[in-house]
Protein backbone atom coordinates (compact mmCIF):
# COMPACT_ATOMS: atom_id res chain seq x y z
CA THR A 1 138.30 170.31 97.59
CA LEU A 2 136.50 167.24 98.93
CA LEU A 3 134.02 167.57 101.77
CA ALA A 4 135.02 165.99 105.06
CA SER A 5 133.35 162.72 106.00
CA ASP A 6 131.11 162.53 109.05
CA SER A 7 133.86 160.90 111.10
CA ALA A 8 136.67 163.18 109.94
CA ALA A 9 137.83 166.31 111.73
CA VAL A 10 138.65 169.66 110.12
CA ALA A 11 141.09 172.34 111.28
CA VAL A 12 140.15 176.03 111.42
CA TRP A 13 142.70 178.80 112.01
CA GLU A 14 141.47 182.16 113.35
CA TRP A 15 143.06 185.50 114.25
CA GLN A 16 141.95 187.88 117.01
CA ASP A 17 141.03 191.45 116.11
CA GLU A 18 141.49 194.54 118.30
CA PHE A 19 138.12 194.01 119.97
CA GLY A 20 138.93 190.47 121.07
CA ARG A 21 136.77 188.81 118.38
CA TRP A 22 138.14 185.72 116.64
CA ARG A 23 137.92 185.88 112.85
CA PRO A 24 138.47 182.72 110.77
CA TYR A 25 140.83 182.65 107.83
CA ARG A 26 139.24 181.36 104.65
CA GLY A 27 139.22 177.61 104.09
CA SER A 28 141.84 177.84 101.33
CA VAL A 29 144.23 179.72 103.63
CA CYS A 30 143.71 177.19 106.44
CA SER A 31 144.41 174.38 103.95
CA TYR A 32 147.72 176.01 103.06
CA ILE A 33 148.70 176.45 106.72
CA GLU A 34 147.91 172.80 107.46
CA GLN A 35 149.81 171.60 104.38
CA VAL A 36 152.94 173.57 105.31
CA ILE A 37 152.84 172.31 108.90
CA GLN A 38 152.31 168.71 107.80
CA ALA A 39 155.21 168.92 105.35
CA SER A 40 157.40 170.41 108.06
CA GLN A 41 156.48 167.65 110.49
CA GLN A 42 157.30 164.96 107.93
CA LYS A 43 160.62 166.61 107.15
CA GLY A 44 161.34 166.94 110.87
CA ARG A 45 160.71 163.25 111.46
CA ARG A 46 163.13 162.36 108.69
CA SER A 47 165.88 164.80 109.65
CA GLY A 48 165.30 165.14 113.39
CA SER A 49 164.86 168.91 113.11
CA GLY A 50 162.17 170.92 114.84
CA LEU A 51 158.92 172.37 113.54
CA LEU A 52 159.08 175.33 111.17
CA SER A 53 159.05 178.79 112.70
CA SER A 54 156.76 180.82 110.44
CA ILE A 55 154.33 180.65 107.53
CA PRO A 56 153.98 183.54 105.02
CA LEU A 57 150.27 183.82 104.22
CA GLY A 58 150.86 185.65 100.93
CA HIS A 59 151.65 182.28 99.35
CA ALA A 60 148.02 181.24 99.96
CA ASP A 61 146.31 184.58 99.25
CA PRO A 62 148.10 187.58 97.64
CA ALA A 63 145.89 189.93 99.68
CA LEU A 64 147.56 188.55 102.82
CA ALA A 65 151.11 189.19 101.57
CA PRO A 66 152.10 191.42 104.54
CA TYR A 67 151.18 188.73 107.08
CA VAL A 68 153.26 185.92 108.59
CA ILE A 69 152.11 183.41 111.21
CA ASP A 70 154.75 182.68 113.86
CA ILE A 71 154.04 179.10 114.92
CA PRO A 72 155.95 178.88 118.26
CA SER A 73 154.03 181.84 119.72
CA LEU A 74 150.79 181.42 117.72
CA THR A 75 150.98 185.02 116.55
CA GLN A 76 150.20 186.76 113.26
CA PHE A 77 152.87 189.34 112.42
CA ARG A 78 152.22 192.16 109.94
CA GLN A 79 155.53 193.05 108.30
CA ASP A 80 154.81 196.60 107.16
CA THR A 81 153.44 197.87 110.51
CA GLY A 82 154.92 195.44 113.06
CA THR A 83 151.43 194.68 114.41
CA MET A 84 150.95 191.28 116.05
CA ARG A 85 147.70 189.43 116.64
CA ALA A 86 147.01 186.22 118.50
CA VAL A 87 146.02 183.22 116.34
CA ARG A 88 144.50 179.90 117.30
CA ARG A 89 143.69 176.52 115.76
CA HIS A 90 140.44 174.72 116.55
CA VAL A 91 139.25 171.32 115.35
CA PHE A 92 135.60 170.71 114.41
CA PRO A 93 133.64 167.63 113.30
CA GLY A 94 133.62 166.91 109.59
CA ASP A 95 129.82 167.19 109.42
CA SER A 96 129.83 170.64 111.02
CA ALA A 97 129.58 174.00 109.23
CA ALA A 98 133.38 174.11 108.93
CA GLY A 99 133.56 170.70 107.27
CA GLN A 100 130.79 171.59 104.85
CA GLY A 101 132.23 175.00 103.90
CA VAL A 102 129.38 176.99 105.50
CA VAL A 103 130.21 180.44 106.87
CA TRP A 104 127.73 182.71 108.68
CA GLU A 105 128.38 186.45 108.42
CA TRP A 106 126.97 189.74 109.80
CA GLN A 107 126.80 193.04 107.94
CA ASN A 108 129.27 195.60 109.31
CA ASP A 109 129.05 199.40 109.43
CA GLU A 110 130.79 199.77 106.06
CA GLY A 111 128.27 197.57 104.25
CA GLY A 112 130.59 194.58 103.97
CA TRP A 113 130.25 191.16 105.56
CA SER A 114 132.25 189.95 108.56
CA PRO A 115 132.33 186.24 109.50
CA TYR A 116 131.32 185.06 112.93
CA GLU A 117 133.97 183.06 114.74
CA MET A 118 133.76 179.45 113.67
CA ASN A 119 132.20 178.05 116.84
CA VAL A 120 129.31 180.52 116.30
CA CYS A 121 129.02 179.42 112.67
CA VAL A 122 128.83 175.79 113.81
CA PHE A 123 126.18 176.68 116.41
CA LEU A 124 124.07 178.62 113.91
CA GLU A 125 124.26 175.88 111.30
CA GLN A 126 123.18 173.25 113.83
CA ALA A 127 120.22 175.41 114.88
CA ARG A 128 119.18 175.98 111.27
CA ALA A 129 119.45 172.27 110.48
CA THR A 130 117.11 171.47 113.38
CA ASN A 131 114.51 173.97 112.10
CA HIS A 132 114.97 176.65 114.75
CA GLN A 133 113.54 180.00 113.69
CA ARG A 134 115.46 182.04 116.26
CA VAL A 135 118.51 181.37 118.46
CA ASP A 136 120.15 183.18 121.38
CA LEU A 137 123.95 183.60 121.18
CA GLY A 138 124.17 184.38 124.92
CA PRO A 139 125.60 180.93 125.81
CA LEU A 140 128.49 181.69 123.43
CA GLY A 141 129.24 185.03 125.09
CA TYR A 142 127.40 187.30 122.66
CA ASN A 143 124.53 189.63 123.53
CA TYR A 144 122.64 188.85 120.32
CA GLU A 145 119.70 186.92 118.95
CA VAL A 146 119.66 185.64 115.37
CA ASP A 147 116.39 185.33 113.47
CA PHE A 148 116.76 182.84 110.59
CA VAL A 149 113.45 183.88 109.00
CA ALA A 150 114.15 187.61 108.90
CA GLN A 151 117.92 186.99 108.48
CA VAL A 152 118.84 189.56 111.12
CA GLN A 153 120.95 189.77 114.27
CA THR A 154 119.42 191.81 117.12
CA ASN A 155 121.30 193.32 120.06
CA LYS A 156 119.30 192.21 123.11
CA THR A 157 120.05 195.45 124.99
CA THR A 158 119.76 198.17 122.33
CA ARG A 159 117.53 196.21 119.88
CA PHE A 160 119.83 197.38 117.07
CA ARG A 161 119.53 195.03 114.10
CA ARG A 162 122.02 193.90 111.49
CA SER A 163 121.55 191.66 108.47
CA VAL A 164 123.09 188.18 108.54
CA GLN A 165 123.75 185.76 105.72
CA ARG A 166 124.77 182.15 105.14
CA ARG A 167 127.52 181.64 102.56
CA LEU A 168 129.13 178.57 101.02
CA ASP A 169 132.91 178.70 100.78
CA ALA A 170 135.78 176.25 100.46
CA PRO A 171 135.52 173.54 103.16
CA TYR A 172 138.14 173.65 105.88
CA PRO A 173 140.95 171.07 105.65
CA VAL A 174 140.66 167.54 107.00
CA THR A 175 143.18 166.83 109.76
CA THR A 176 144.30 163.87 111.83
CA SER A 177 145.64 166.11 114.59
CA THR A 178 142.91 166.94 117.11
CA ALA A 179 145.00 169.08 119.48
CA PRO A 180 146.54 172.54 119.03
CA LEU A 181 150.19 172.62 118.05
CA HIS A 182 151.20 174.85 120.95
CA LYS A 183 149.63 176.53 123.92
CA GLY A 184 151.09 179.78 122.65
CA VAL A 185 151.18 183.12 124.42
CA GLY A 186 148.87 186.11 124.38
CA CYS A 187 149.67 188.76 121.82
CA SER A 188 152.04 191.14 123.57
CA CYS A 189 151.74 194.08 121.22
CA GLN A 190 150.02 197.26 122.27
CA GLN A 191 147.35 196.77 119.60
CA CYS A 192 145.72 193.83 121.41
CA TRP A 193 144.52 195.46 124.62
CA PRO A 194 141.96 192.84 125.66
CA ASN A 195 144.80 190.35 126.17
CA SER A 196 147.80 192.19 127.51
CA GLY A 197 149.50 195.48 128.13
CA THR A 198 152.61 196.94 126.62
CA GLY A 199 156.12 195.68 127.07
CA PRO A 200 159.00 194.11 125.19
CA ILE A 201 158.33 191.16 122.94
CA THR A 202 159.84 188.14 124.64
CA THR A 203 158.93 185.44 122.13
CA ARG A 204 160.90 184.80 118.95
CA TYR A 205 159.74 185.70 115.46
CA ARG A 206 161.17 184.59 112.15
CA HIS A 207 160.24 187.45 109.77
CA SER A 208 159.66 186.04 106.31
CA MET A 209 160.24 188.87 103.85
CA THR A 210 157.33 188.40 101.47
CA ASN A 211 156.82 191.26 99.02
CA PHE A 212 153.45 192.87 98.34
CA PRO A 213 151.67 191.66 95.20
CA ASN A 214 152.23 193.76 92.09
CA SER A 215 154.70 195.97 93.93
CA SER A 216 157.70 197.61 92.35
CA THR A 217 159.94 194.94 93.92
CA THR A 218 158.49 191.87 92.29
CA HIS A 219 161.43 189.48 92.58
CA GLN A 220 160.34 186.71 94.93
CA VAL A 221 161.99 183.60 96.25
CA PRO A 222 159.74 181.21 98.19
CA GLY A 223 160.28 181.39 101.94
CA ARG A 224 162.91 184.10 102.08
CA THR A 225 162.72 187.00 99.70
CA ALA A 226 164.17 190.46 99.75
CA SER A 227 164.79 192.96 97.00
CA VAL A 228 167.69 195.37 97.50
CA SER A 229 167.75 198.39 95.18
CA SER A 230 169.78 201.53 94.84
CA SER A 231 167.45 203.26 97.27
CA ASN A 232 169.03 201.22 100.05
CA VAL A 233 172.50 202.69 99.66
CA GLY A 234 171.77 204.86 102.66
CA MET A 235 170.81 201.89 104.80
CA THR A 236 173.94 200.02 103.71
CA ALA A 237 175.94 203.03 104.81
CA ILE A 238 174.31 202.94 108.23
CA LEU A 239 174.89 199.23 108.58
CA MET A 240 178.55 199.78 107.73
CA SER A 241 179.08 202.64 110.19
CA ALA A 242 180.87 200.46 112.73
CA ALA A 243 182.47 203.43 114.37
CA GLY A 244 179.11 205.07 114.97
CA LEU A 245 179.66 207.87 112.48
CA PRO A 246 176.52 209.83 111.58
CA VAL A 247 174.86 208.80 108.33
CA HIS A 248 172.07 210.58 106.44
CA LEU A 249 169.15 208.66 104.94
CA THR A 250 166.43 209.79 102.56
CA ARG A 251 162.85 209.05 103.62
CA VAL A 252 159.77 208.42 101.54
CA PRO A 253 158.16 211.66 100.32
CA GLN A 254 156.55 213.58 103.15
CA ALA A 255 155.59 217.16 103.78
CA ALA A 256 153.00 218.81 105.95
CA SER A 257 152.10 222.29 107.06
CA THR A 258 150.63 222.73 110.53
CA HIS A 259 148.39 225.62 111.50
CA LYS A 260 148.34 226.44 115.18
CA ALA A 261 145.12 225.23 116.77
CA THR A 262 142.63 227.77 118.02
CA LYS A 263 139.96 227.17 120.61
CA LYS A 264 137.24 227.10 117.96
CA HIS A 265 138.73 225.45 114.88
CA SER A 266 141.98 224.54 113.20
CA SER A 267 143.18 222.35 110.37
CA VAL A 268 146.32 220.40 109.61
CA LYS A 269 146.80 219.91 105.90
CA GLU A 270 149.12 217.41 104.33
CA GLY A 271 150.75 217.68 100.92
CA ARG A 272 153.16 215.45 99.06
CA LYS A 273 156.38 217.19 98.09
CA VAL A 274 158.72 214.66 96.57
CA SER A 275 162.37 215.25 97.31
CA LYS A 276 164.96 214.58 94.65
CA LYS A 277 166.13 211.01 94.61
CA GLY A 278 169.25 210.49 96.63
CA SER A 279 169.17 213.90 98.25
CA SER A 280 169.72 214.35 101.95
CA CYS A 281 169.27 217.34 104.20
CA SER A 282 168.26 218.16 107.74
CA ASN A 283 164.59 217.81 106.79
CA SER A 284 164.54 214.72 104.58
CA GLY A 285 167.44 212.81 106.09
CA ILE A 286 168.04 211.18 109.45
CA CYS A 287 171.29 211.37 111.35
CA PHE A 288 171.78 208.80 114.10
CA HIS A 289 174.22 206.24 115.46
CA LEU A 290 172.70 202.84 114.80
CA LEU A 291 175.00 199.84 114.90
CA LEU A 292 178.21 198.57 116.37
CA PHE A 293 180.01 195.63 114.81
CA ILE A 294 180.62 192.72 117.15
CA SER A 295 182.82 189.67 116.74
CA LEU A 296 181.32 186.34 117.74
CA PRO A 297 182.95 183.01 118.59
CA LEU A 298 182.00 180.17 116.23
CA SER A 299 180.02 178.50 119.00
CA PHE A 300 177.94 181.58 119.85
CA PRO A 301 174.52 180.11 120.79
CA LEU A 302 172.08 182.96 120.08
CA ASP A 303 169.88 183.04 116.99
CA CYS A 304 169.20 186.01 114.74
CA MET A 305 165.54 186.78 115.43
CA ILE A 306 164.97 187.73 111.79
CA CYS A 307 166.23 184.64 109.96
CA MET A 308 166.36 182.30 113.01
CA GLU A 309 169.86 181.10 112.04
CA LYS A 310 172.74 181.12 114.53
CA LEU A 311 174.48 184.48 114.73
CA SER A 312 177.75 182.62 114.30
CA SER A 313 176.46 181.32 110.93
CA PRO A 314 175.84 183.31 107.72
CA SER A 315 172.62 185.24 107.35
CA GLY A 316 169.61 183.22 106.24
CA TYR A 317 168.93 185.95 103.67
CA SER A 318 172.39 185.85 102.08
CA ASP A 319 170.95 184.00 99.07
CA SER A 320 168.32 186.65 98.32
CA CYS A 321 169.66 189.88 99.85
CA GLN A 322 173.14 190.67 98.62
CA SER A 323 175.42 193.62 99.24
CA SER A 324 178.91 194.26 97.94
CA SER A 325 179.91 195.84 101.26
CA ILE A 326 178.27 193.50 103.81
CA ARG A 327 179.50 189.94 104.29
CA PRO A 328 176.86 187.23 104.93
CA GLU A 329 178.35 186.47 108.35
CA ALA A 330 178.56 190.14 109.47
CA VAL A 331 176.70 190.80 112.72
CA GLY A 332 175.69 194.13 114.22
CA ARG A 333 174.25 195.24 117.54
CA LEU A 334 171.66 198.01 117.78
CA ARG A 335 173.24 200.80 119.77
CA ASN A 336 170.43 201.63 122.21
CA CYS A 337 168.65 198.34 122.90
CA GLN A 338 171.75 196.16 122.34
CA HIS A 339 169.92 193.46 120.35
CA SER A 340 172.06 191.70 117.75
CA PHE A 341 171.20 190.56 114.21
CA HIS A 342 172.87 189.66 110.94
CA MET A 343 173.58 192.83 109.02
CA LEU A 344 172.05 191.38 105.84
CA CYS A 345 168.93 190.45 107.78
CA MET A 346 168.55 194.05 108.92
CA LEU A 347 169.05 195.24 105.34
CA ALA A 348 166.44 192.72 104.11
CA MET A 349 163.96 193.88 106.75
CA TYR A 350 164.52 197.50 105.78
CA SER A 351 164.20 196.69 102.06
CA ASN A 352 160.77 195.18 102.58
CA GLY A 353 159.42 198.04 104.70
CA ASN A 354 158.58 201.64 103.88
CA LYS A 355 162.26 202.56 103.35
CA ASP A 356 161.64 205.75 105.30
CA GLY A 357 165.07 205.97 106.88
CA SER A 358 164.01 204.37 110.15
CA LEU A 359 164.49 200.92 111.64
CA GLN A 360 162.43 199.18 114.31
CA CYS A 361 164.05 196.48 116.39
CA PRO A 362 162.11 193.26 115.70
CA SER A 363 162.82 192.09 119.25
CA CYS A 364 161.80 195.00 121.51
CA LYS A 365 160.24 197.40 118.93
CA THR A 366 162.65 200.27 119.73
CA ILE A 367 162.55 202.74 116.83
CA TYR A 368 165.74 204.23 115.39
CA GLY A 369 165.19 207.38 113.41
CA GLU A 370 161.85 209.00 112.61
CA LYS A 371 159.26 206.51 111.45
CA THR A 372 156.97 207.69 108.66
CA GLY A 373 154.06 205.97 106.98
CA THR A 374 152.28 205.87 103.64
CA GLN A 375 149.14 207.87 104.42
CA PRO A 376 147.68 209.58 101.33
CA LYS A 377 147.34 213.35 101.21
CA GLY A 378 144.41 214.87 103.03
CA LYS A 379 143.33 217.31 105.75
CA MET A 380 142.92 217.06 109.52
CA GLU A 381 140.45 219.53 111.10
CA ILE A 382 140.13 220.17 114.83
CA SER A 383 137.36 221.92 116.76
CA THR A 384 135.93 221.97 120.29
CA PHE A 385 132.42 222.13 121.77
CA PRO A 386 131.08 222.20 125.35
CA GLN A 387 129.18 218.87 125.39
CA SER A 388 130.89 216.24 127.58
CA LEU A 389 131.79 212.69 126.70
CA PRO A 390 130.56 209.83 128.93
CA GLY A 391 133.22 209.27 131.58
CA HIS A 392 134.59 212.81 131.16
CA LYS A 393 131.82 214.99 132.65
CA ASP A 394 134.24 217.67 133.85
CA CYS A 395 135.24 218.96 130.40
CA GLY A 396 134.11 219.59 126.85
CA THR A 397 134.94 217.62 123.74
CA ILE A 398 137.57 217.83 121.01
CA ARG A 399 136.38 216.79 117.56
CA ILE A 400 138.81 215.68 114.87
CA VAL A 401 137.66 215.39 111.25
CA TYR A 402 139.86 213.54 108.76
CA HIS A 403 139.41 214.25 105.04
CA ILE A 404 141.01 211.95 102.45
CA SER A 405 139.85 211.57 98.84
CA ARG A 406 140.44 208.77 96.38
CA GLY A 407 143.58 208.98 94.26
CA ILE A 408 146.44 207.12 92.62
CA GLN A 409 148.91 205.06 94.64
CA GLY A 410 152.45 206.34 94.90
CA PRO A 411 155.71 204.35 94.89
CA GLU A 412 155.42 203.73 98.64
CA HIS A 413 152.03 202.01 98.31
CA PRO A 414 151.25 198.31 97.64
CA ASN A 415 150.33 198.81 93.94
CA PRO A 416 151.98 201.97 92.55
CA GLY A 417 150.06 203.62 89.73
CA MET A 418 146.77 201.91 90.58
CA PRO A 419 143.78 203.86 91.96
CA TYR A 420 142.85 203.68 95.62
CA THR A 421 139.43 204.34 97.13
CA ALA A 422 138.62 206.32 100.27
CA ARG A 423 135.42 205.04 101.87
CA GLY A 424 133.66 206.64 104.83
CA PHE A 425 135.31 210.06 104.69
CA PRO A 426 135.12 212.51 106.31
CA ARG A 427 135.73 210.50 109.48
CA TYR A 428 134.78 212.06 112.83
CA CYS A 429 136.72 211.24 116.01
CA TYR A 430 136.42 212.46 119.60
CA LEU A 431 138.69 213.21 122.57
CA PRO A 432 137.94 214.74 125.99
CA ASP A 433 139.06 218.37 126.15
CA ASN A 434 141.21 217.86 129.26
CA GLU A 435 144.96 217.83 129.83
CA LYS A 436 145.53 214.23 128.72
CA GLY A 437 143.11 214.55 125.79
CA ARG A 438 144.94 217.65 124.54
CA LYS A 439 148.24 215.78 124.86
CA VAL A 440 146.85 212.97 122.72
CA LEU A 441 145.64 215.56 120.20
CA GLU A 442 149.09 217.11 119.84
CA LEU A 443 150.65 213.68 119.31
CA LEU A 444 147.97 212.78 116.75
CA LYS A 445 148.96 215.94 114.86
CA VAL A 446 152.53 214.65 114.76
CA ALA A 447 151.34 211.21 113.64
CA TRP A 448 149.25 212.87 110.90
CA LYS A 449 152.23 214.87 109.64
CA ARG A 450 154.31 211.68 109.62
CA ARG A 451 151.60 209.88 107.60
CA LEU A 452 150.98 207.24 110.27
CA ILE A 453 147.23 207.41 110.94
CA PHE A 454 145.97 205.91 107.65
CA THR A 455 147.51 203.76 104.95
CA VAL A 456 146.48 202.09 101.68
CA GLY A 457 145.69 198.42 102.09
CA THR A 458 142.89 195.87 102.43
CA SER A 459 139.89 196.59 104.66
CA ASN A 460 139.43 194.07 107.47
CA THR A 461 135.69 194.73 107.51
CA THR A 462 134.78 194.77 103.80
CA GLY A 463 137.68 192.84 102.27
CA GLU A 464 138.16 195.63 99.70
CA SER A 465 141.76 196.05 98.58
CA ASN A 466 143.50 199.24 97.42
CA THR A 467 141.54 201.39 99.84
CA VAL A 468 142.37 203.81 102.68
CA VAL A 469 142.32 202.02 106.04
CA TRP A 470 143.18 202.85 109.66
CA ASN A 471 146.80 202.15 110.51
CA GLU A 472 146.76 200.72 114.06
CA ILE A 473 146.33 203.98 116.00
CA HIS A 474 142.84 203.53 117.36
CA HIS A 475 140.33 206.37 117.39
CA LYS A 476 136.96 206.84 119.04
CA THR A 477 134.49 207.46 116.21
CA GLU A 478 131.37 207.50 118.42
CA MET A 479 130.61 209.71 121.42
CA ASP A 480 128.16 207.88 123.65
CA SER A 481 127.94 204.22 122.71
CA ASN A 482 130.77 201.86 123.52
CA LEU A 483 128.97 198.62 122.70
CA SER A 484 130.93 198.58 119.43
CA GLY A 485 134.24 199.46 121.11
CA HIS A 486 134.40 202.73 119.15
CA GLY A 487 132.86 205.08 121.73
CA TYR A 488 132.84 206.25 125.34
CA PRO A 489 132.98 205.56 128.23
CA ASP A 490 136.36 203.84 128.04
CA PRO A 491 138.58 204.70 131.03
CA ASN A 492 141.66 203.09 129.45
CA TYR A 493 141.45 204.64 125.99
CA LEU A 494 143.74 207.66 126.43
CA ASP A 495 146.49 205.57 128.03
CA ASN A 496 146.10 202.91 125.34
CA VAL A 497 146.33 205.33 122.44
CA LEU A 498 149.37 207.02 124.01
CA ALA A 499 151.05 203.63 124.08
CA GLU A 500 150.05 202.99 120.46
CA LEU A 501 151.50 206.33 119.43
CA ALA A 502 154.71 205.58 121.34
CA ALA A 503 154.99 202.27 119.46
CA GLN A 504 155.06 204.34 116.26
CA GLY A 505 157.81 206.55 117.67
CA VAL A 506 155.43 209.44 118.48
CA THR A 507 156.12 210.55 122.06
CA GLU A 508 156.28 213.76 124.09
CA ASP A 509 159.84 214.21 122.82
CA CYS A 510 158.31 215.00 119.42
CA LEU A 511 156.38 217.99 120.71
CA GLY A 512 157.90 221.41 120.28
CA HIS A 513 160.29 220.28 117.55
């Protein structure tokens, strides 16, 4: 890749993590995003059509296969968990750090390297080029000083130090467009608390069904891909139950034994008992009324929010997701939330998920059935002690310890048969021992049994793939320091985690069953 000239501008795309920090995509990924947008704009000028709706990032980097950027809303959508993050596009001078391929990084708690947001990288590179030995990041909103000689970042309040490094990477792409494509909206999912609260998703998302690399469903078609196997017979049956007849589905393997918590100590162990393929029973199957068929006039104006084609037209996935019992133009309406989609689009979405017998409405996130995850086997231990957490002086503390060891990935994981690592275990987490804290604890037990707390994927902090990572239900892993966002005091944490659990289908209705 050629370096940008002094007069040229370069485009940098970044995504916002759960702590509100902006994290730049690599230069090669940004180049791909810009190329796709430019090609779409050229095609639009020739045909008079609008800008493309979404960009699957797996085409640029296989490690990003679960992620799709929705351009109209400037949102990153993760297909396997439904998590959405805000994204943004900034333009920098060609002679800046971005144009030269310079990235500044700080060492995180797991020993990996996390990049500063690009405007910080540009600031640091300018300071280094002008022979500064130390710079204050306060003007950029960060409570840190960076010492170029010692190569450390120091927290100005706590004096805690972290290593920093300067790395050369692929330069960011040259662009002629100096303004963002859209104003966009704040991420409206419950995972992005600094920006918004909970609520239905009102923007539109075109879900590109990109398979995981090296997965058991390797057939891929650029843009729209879906692999439908015999394991989806149950879902086809549900989609065909126009009269609302109950249908049983088989979930991914899951089993757990729960020991009643005592005041002093308890544990919740999880095993992996694989049910026979195709079997269904009251434990492994789900029985619910999902869809009603609806007939639409040819001029029906609404779009299917999965393929973004008109509901009165055939499914946009009819070329890659085929079923002998579902016609490409068949449309269904979800029974509870009343949102409508092409039947084949729903089947494609299910085929590219965990295939656990549940469906989540891509519009409002309503869950149908019992959602389960892909958490490896392990043990959850619970104990209490009298010391109080900051902000909760009137009660003691609940401590949760999660134990997961390395192992071999199962058929539900990104790379079946390959090893996975388990870094940083046991992991210690804390809740106040009050009424709401105990409620959260009971729901976390349910989430643990449903394999929703961890998953196998790529670490956001270290970049390591095929490793055990948190799965979007946030935990407090520190007791008395919230500078990192992982500790107390945090007056909103219990309400936030209850909302996150509810988004995974884990609510008070699950208790006592």
